[in-house]
Amino acid sequence: MPEKRKVLAIGAAGHFAGLVLPELAKRGAYVRGFIQKDADREAVLQHGARETAVGDLRDPASVEAALQGMDALFYIAPAFIADEGAVGRQVVDAAVRAGVRRIVFSSVIHPTLGTLVNHREKGPVEEAIFKSNVEYTILQPAMFFQNFAQGWAEVVKSGTYGEPWSAETRFSRVDYRDVAEVAAMALTEDRLLYGTFELCSEGNLNRHDVAALMGKVLGRNIRAGTVDLDKTGGGKDAPPPPIRTMMDWYNHHGLLGSALTLRAILGREPRTLEAYFEELKATDA
């Protein structure tokens, strides 16, 4: 691959692919951001893209057109997109037709979990990449720290952190900024080629542990609560079937991994959840 990598970042306007853009820019990559609407163009350029391509992920022709002239592809699927496996396979096929030489796919921890559609649908995409004969790196991150941001204001207001599954279930988590750093390494260097990497920070916490950590950062007691999905009232507020299935799984099983791989790749300790909560607290100041 040429010294200055040309990378198409799919979902460049999203919360997570958007974190990859500045990491690529730091490494001198030329980034084209794939976006759904032109209104996102300026924000994507400010995050480090040099240009944008507007298209529809479900339209292979627009994806292939955006891939023209690119050396590499970063792909993360939108959360709970319908037919995720089929869409992802189309993206891989488009990359092959466009002559892309490298794909970095942000998958998920434990993609073999057939019970969870958002895990199960990653498997066909990984398989398509393996069959494509292109260079690849597969990233399998744990739950993202960034998922806490949406409910932070309510935690501060109510003094309770609630989720719609058992408070005893333990999870590994990761700051997606660390994942983004690994993705940029994989797109611009060769040392991670043909690797499949489970990416987690240190610690397997249940909700009691998370609430205690929030309380430590906020300097007051935070309770671990439980959200009742049956009280959402149905209709447009009712959780879709994949979400309910996921909640049912989490009532009995966690998603656990090791920080060893992420620590080794970064050459430093991964970001901590406590530090992330400190950042959230600072935004309220």
Protein backbone atom coordinates (compact mmCIF):
# COMPACT_ATOMS: atom_id res chain seq x y z
CA MET A 1 0.00 0.00 0.00
CA PRO A 2 1.23 3.56 -0.64
CA GLU A 3 2.80 5.50 2.20
CA LYS A 4 -0.12 7.91 2.39
CA ARG A 5 -3.11 5.65 2.88
CA LYS A 6 -6.39 6.59 1.26
CA VAL A 7 -9.20 5.37 3.48
CA LEU A 8 -12.97 5.38 3.06
CA ALA A 9 -14.63 5.60 6.47
CA ILE A 10 -18.22 4.39 6.35
CA GLY A 11 -20.52 6.07 8.84
CA ALA A 12 -18.13 8.99 9.17
CA ALA A 13 -20.84 11.21 10.65
CA GLY A 14 -21.64 8.67 13.37
CA HIS A 15 -20.51 8.69 16.98
CA PHE A 16 -18.01 5.86 16.55
CA ALA A 17 -16.63 5.99 13.01
CA GLY A 18 -16.32 9.71 13.68
CA LEU A 19 -13.75 8.93 16.38
CA VAL A 20 -11.60 7.09 13.83
CA LEU A 21 -11.27 10.13 11.55
CA PRO A 22 -8.98 12.24 13.79
CA GLU A 23 -6.83 9.19 14.55
CA LEU A 24 -6.34 8.62 10.83
CA ALA A 25 -5.63 12.31 10.27
CA LYS A 26 -2.90 12.17 12.95
CA ARG A 27 -1.24 9.41 10.93
CA GLY A 28 -1.32 11.37 7.70
CA ALA A 29 -4.01 9.31 6.01
CA TYR A 30 -6.20 10.79 3.31
CA VAL A 31 -9.75 10.12 4.50
CA ARG A 32 -12.95 10.16 2.49
CA GLY A 33 -16.00 10.08 4.73
CA PHE A 34 -19.04 8.15 3.52
CA ILE A 35 -22.17 9.97 4.70
CA GLN A 36 -25.92 9.71 4.14
CA LYS A 37 -26.64 13.40 3.70
CA ASP A 38 -24.65 16.40 2.55
CA ALA A 39 -25.64 18.32 5.70
CA ASP A 40 -23.05 16.22 7.60
CA ARG A 41 -20.21 17.22 5.31
CA GLU A 42 -18.75 20.12 7.31
CA ALA A 43 -18.72 18.23 10.61
CA VAL A 44 -17.00 15.26 8.99
CA LEU A 45 -14.36 17.49 7.39
CA GLN A 46 -13.74 19.15 10.76
CA HIS A 47 -13.11 15.72 12.31
CA GLY A 48 -10.30 14.99 9.86
CA ALA A 49 -11.76 13.83 6.55
CA ARG A 50 -10.35 15.46 3.43
CA GLU A 51 -13.49 14.88 1.38
CA THR A 52 -16.89 13.20 1.60
CA ALA A 53 -19.05 10.92 -0.53
CA VAL A 54 -22.82 10.90 -0.09
CA GLY A 55 -24.50 7.54 -0.53
CA ASP A 56 -26.75 4.83 0.81
CA LEU A 57 -25.22 1.86 2.58
CA ARG A 58 -27.94 -0.34 1.07
CA ASP A 59 -27.02 0.78 -2.45
CA PRO A 60 -23.91 -1.21 -3.49
CA ALA A 61 -23.34 1.06 -6.48
CA SER A 62 -23.02 4.18 -4.32
CA VAL A 63 -20.69 2.36 -1.91
CA GLU A 64 -18.55 1.10 -4.79
CA ALA A 65 -18.41 4.58 -6.30
CA ALA A 66 -17.26 6.02 -2.96
CA LEU A 67 -14.54 3.36 -2.77
CA GLN A 68 -12.98 4.28 -6.11
CA GLY A 69 -9.36 5.31 -5.66
CA MET A 70 -9.27 4.18 -2.01
CA ASP A 71 -6.65 1.82 -0.61
CA ALA A 72 -8.55 0.80 2.49
CA LEU A 73 -11.99 0.67 4.08
CA PHE A 74 -13.10 1.18 7.66
CA TYR A 75 -16.53 -0.31 8.26
CA ILE A 76 -18.80 -0.24 11.29
CA ALA A 77 -22.49 -1.01 10.80
CA PRO A 78 -25.24 1.25 12.14
CA ALA A 79 -26.68 -0.18 15.38
CA PHE A 80 -29.44 -2.71 14.78
CA ILE A 81 -29.62 -2.03 11.06
CA ALA A 82 -32.05 -4.50 9.44
CA ASP A 83 -30.38 -7.32 7.48
CA GLU A 84 -27.01 -6.29 8.86
CA GLY A 85 -25.26 -9.42 7.64
CA ALA A 86 -26.50 -9.01 4.07
CA VAL A 87 -25.68 -5.29 4.01
CA GLY A 88 -22.19 -5.96 5.33
CA ARG A 89 -21.53 -8.64 2.72
CA GLN A 90 -22.58 -6.19 0.02
CA VAL A 91 -20.13 -3.64 1.40
CA VAL A 92 -17.30 -6.19 1.31
CA ASP A 93 -18.19 -7.21 -2.25
CA ALA A 94 -18.21 -3.55 -3.30
CA ALA A 95 -14.76 -3.09 -1.78
CA VAL A 96 -13.41 -6.06 -3.73
CA ARG A 97 -14.87 -4.78 -7.00
CA ALA A 98 -13.38 -1.34 -6.35
CA GLY A 99 -9.92 -2.83 -5.85
CA VAL A 100 -9.60 -1.96 -2.16
CA ARG A 101 -6.66 -3.80 -0.65
CA ARG A 102 -7.47 -3.61 3.06
CA ILE A 103 -10.61 -3.77 5.22
CA VAL A 104 -10.78 -3.00 8.93
CA PHE A 105 -14.11 -4.12 10.35
CA SER A 106 -15.38 -2.99 13.74
CA SER A 107 -17.34 -6.08 14.75
CA VAL A 108 -18.37 -7.00 18.30
CA ILE A 109 -17.16 -9.08 21.22
CA HIS A 110 -18.44 -12.67 20.97
CA PRO A 111 -19.87 -12.56 17.42
CA THR A 112 -20.73 -16.26 17.67
CA LEU A 113 -23.61 -15.53 20.08
CA GLY A 114 -26.52 -16.75 17.99
CA THR A 115 -29.10 -15.52 20.50
CA LEU A 116 -28.21 -11.85 19.98
CA VAL A 117 -28.98 -10.59 16.49
CA ASN A 118 -26.55 -7.68 16.78
CA HIS A 119 -23.78 -10.23 17.46
CA ARG A 120 -24.96 -12.99 15.14
CA GLU A 121 -25.17 -10.67 12.12
CA LYS A 122 -21.49 -9.75 12.42
CA GLY A 123 -20.43 -13.34 11.66
CA PRO A 124 -21.43 -13.33 7.96
CA VAL A 125 -19.57 -10.06 7.45
CA GLU A 126 -16.41 -11.46 9.04
CA GLU A 127 -16.74 -14.57 6.87
CA ALA A 128 -17.13 -12.44 3.73
CA ILE A 129 -13.96 -10.57 4.64
CA PHE A 130 -12.05 -13.82 5.18
CA LYS A 131 -13.21 -15.06 1.76
CA SER A 132 -12.41 -11.80 -0.02
CA ASN A 133 -8.63 -12.33 -0.24
CA VAL A 134 -8.03 -8.71 0.80
CA GLU A 135 -5.86 -7.69 3.71
CA TYR A 136 -7.94 -7.40 6.86
CA THR A 137 -8.11 -6.71 10.55
CA ILE A 138 -11.18 -7.61 12.62
CA LEU A 139 -11.86 -5.64 15.80
CA GLN A 140 -14.18 -7.16 18.41
CA PRO A 141 -14.78 -4.44 21.02
CA ALA A 142 -16.73 -4.90 24.24
CA MET A 143 -19.56 -2.56 25.34
CA PHE A 144 -18.64 1.07 24.74
CA PHE A 145 -18.06 3.56 27.55
CA GLN A 146 -19.79 6.10 25.31
CA ASN A 147 -23.14 4.35 25.88
CA PHE A 148 -23.19 5.92 29.36
CA ALA A 149 -23.29 9.46 27.97
CA GLN A 150 -26.97 9.42 27.01
CA GLY A 151 -28.17 8.66 30.53
CA TRP A 152 -25.60 10.68 32.47
CA ALA A 153 -27.80 13.72 33.04
CA GLU A 154 -30.54 11.53 34.52
CA VAL A 155 -28.02 9.84 36.84
CA VAL A 156 -26.90 13.24 38.12
CA LYS A 157 -30.51 14.38 38.54
CA SER A 158 -32.00 11.26 40.13
CA GLY A 159 -29.05 9.70 41.93
CA THR A 160 -29.90 6.34 40.33
CA TYR A 161 -28.31 4.44 37.47
CA GLY A 162 -30.75 2.00 35.94
CA GLU A 163 -30.68 -0.55 33.13
CA PRO A 164 -33.36 -3.03 32.00
CA TRP A 165 -31.58 -6.20 33.10
CA SER A 166 -30.20 -7.75 36.26
CA ALA A 167 -27.95 -5.53 38.34
CA GLU A 168 -25.75 -8.55 39.03
CA THR A 169 -24.70 -9.17 35.42
CA ARG A 170 -21.07 -8.34 34.70
CA PHE A 171 -19.69 -6.81 31.52
CA SER A 172 -16.36 -5.86 30.04
CA ARG A 173 -16.33 -2.40 28.50
CA VAL A 174 -14.07 -0.23 26.37
CA ASP A 175 -13.62 3.41 25.45
CA TYR A 176 -14.25 3.56 21.70
CA ARG A 177 -11.49 6.14 21.40
CA ASP A 178 -9.06 3.30 22.18
CA VAL A 179 -10.77 1.16 19.55
CA ALA A 180 -10.49 4.05 17.09
CA GLU A 181 -6.76 4.28 17.77
CA VAL A 182 -6.36 0.57 17.06
CA ALA A 183 -8.45 0.91 13.89
CA ALA A 184 -6.21 3.73 12.65
CA MET A 185 -3.13 1.63 13.37
CA ALA A 186 -4.63 -1.27 11.44
CA LEU A 187 -5.45 0.97 8.48
CA THR A 188 -2.05 2.67 8.26
CA GLU A 189 0.41 0.04 9.55
CA ASP A 190 1.02 -3.64 8.80
CA ARG A 191 1.62 -5.09 12.25
CA LEU A 192 -2.06 -5.89 12.91
CA LEU A 193 -2.70 -7.53 9.54
CA TYR A 194 -4.82 -10.69 9.54
CA GLY A 195 -5.55 -10.37 13.24
CA THR A 196 -8.86 -10.70 15.05
CA PHE A 197 -8.64 -8.73 18.28
CA GLU A 198 -10.95 -8.70 21.30
CA LEU A 199 -10.72 -5.17 22.72
CA CYS A 200 -11.63 -4.49 26.36
CA SER A 201 -10.49 -2.18 29.11
CA GLU A 202 -9.65 -3.52 32.57
CA GLY A 203 -12.46 -4.66 34.86
CA ASN A 204 -15.66 -6.70 34.66
CA LEU A 205 -18.26 -4.61 36.47
CA ASN A 206 -21.88 -5.20 37.39
CA ARG A 207 -24.34 -2.33 37.89
CA HIS A 208 -23.56 -2.03 41.60
CA ASP A 209 -19.88 -1.56 40.72
CA VAL A 210 -20.71 0.99 38.02
CA ALA A 211 -23.01 2.95 40.34
CA ALA A 212 -20.31 2.98 43.04
CA LEU A 213 -17.81 4.31 40.51
CA MET A 214 -20.25 7.02 39.44
CA GLY A 215 -20.75 7.92 43.08
CA LYS A 216 -17.01 8.15 43.65
CA VAL A 217 -16.66 10.57 40.76
CA LEU A 218 -19.73 12.64 41.70
CA GLY A 219 -18.93 12.66 45.40
CA ARG A 220 -22.31 11.33 46.49
CA ASN A 221 -24.24 8.09 46.65
CA ILE A 222 -25.55 6.69 43.36
CA ARG A 223 -27.99 3.79 43.57
CA ALA A 224 -28.14 0.85 41.16
CA GLY A 225 -31.69 0.67 39.81
CA THR A 226 -33.57 -1.40 37.26
CA VAL A 227 -35.66 -0.07 34.38
CA ASP A 228 -38.90 -2.00 33.78
CA LEU A 229 -39.35 -2.51 30.04
CA ASP A 230 -43.02 -3.42 30.56
CA LYS A 231 -43.75 0.10 31.80
CA THR A 232 -42.80 1.76 28.53
CA GLY A 233 -46.46 1.69 27.54
CA GLY A 234 -46.13 -0.06 24.19
CA GLY A 235 -46.59 1.62 20.85
CA LYS A 236 -43.68 3.68 19.59
CA ASP A 237 -42.01 3.53 23.01
CA ALA A 238 -41.98 -0.27 23.20
CA PRO A 239 -38.52 -1.82 22.70
CA PRO A 240 -38.18 -3.70 19.38
CA PRO A 241 -37.83 -7.50 19.57
CA PRO A 242 -34.00 -7.51 19.16
CA ILE A 243 -33.65 -5.16 22.13
CA ARG A 244 -35.95 -7.25 24.33
CA THR A 245 -34.07 -10.42 23.37
CA MET A 246 -30.82 -8.70 24.28
CA MET A 247 -32.22 -7.63 27.65
CA ASP A 248 -33.40 -11.18 28.35
CA TRP A 249 -29.91 -12.50 27.61
CA TYR A 250 -28.30 -9.90 29.86
CA ASN A 251 -30.54 -10.97 32.71
CA HIS A 252 -28.61 -14.23 32.83
CA HIS A 253 -25.32 -13.75 30.97
CA GLY A 254 -22.72 -11.04 30.62
CA LEU A 255 -20.16 -10.22 27.94
CA LEU A 256 -16.71 -10.73 29.40
CA GLY A 257 -13.24 -10.33 27.91
CA SER A 258 -9.64 -9.56 28.73
CA ALA A 259 -7.77 -6.24 28.57
CA LEU A 260 -4.54 -8.02 27.63
CA THR A 261 -4.87 -7.59 23.87
CA LEU A 262 -5.80 -3.90 23.91
CA ARG A 263 -3.02 -3.13 26.38
CA ALA A 264 -0.48 -4.92 24.18
CA ILE A 265 -1.56 -3.17 20.98
CA LEU A 266 -1.67 0.32 22.50
CA GLY A 267 1.53 -0.12 24.48
CA ARG A 268 -0.18 1.56 27.43
CA GLU A 269 -3.06 1.00 29.79
CA PRO A 270 -6.48 1.37 28.13
CA ARG A 271 -8.62 4.30 29.21
CA THR A 272 -10.56 3.64 32.40
CA LEU A 273 -14.27 3.95 33.09
CA GLU A 274 -13.53 6.18 36.08
CA ALA A 275 -11.64 8.60 33.83
CA TYR A 276 -14.53 8.56 31.37
CA PHE A 277 -17.00 9.43 34.15
CA GLU A 278 -14.68 12.28 35.17
CA GLU A 279 -14.99 13.62 31.63
CA LEU A 280 -18.78 13.39 31.76
CA LYS A 281 -18.76 15.22 35.08
CA ALA A 282 -16.59 17.96 33.59
CA THR A 283 -19.11 18.55 30.81
CA ASP A 284 -21.71 19.39 33.49
CA ALA A 285 -19.48 21.94 35.17
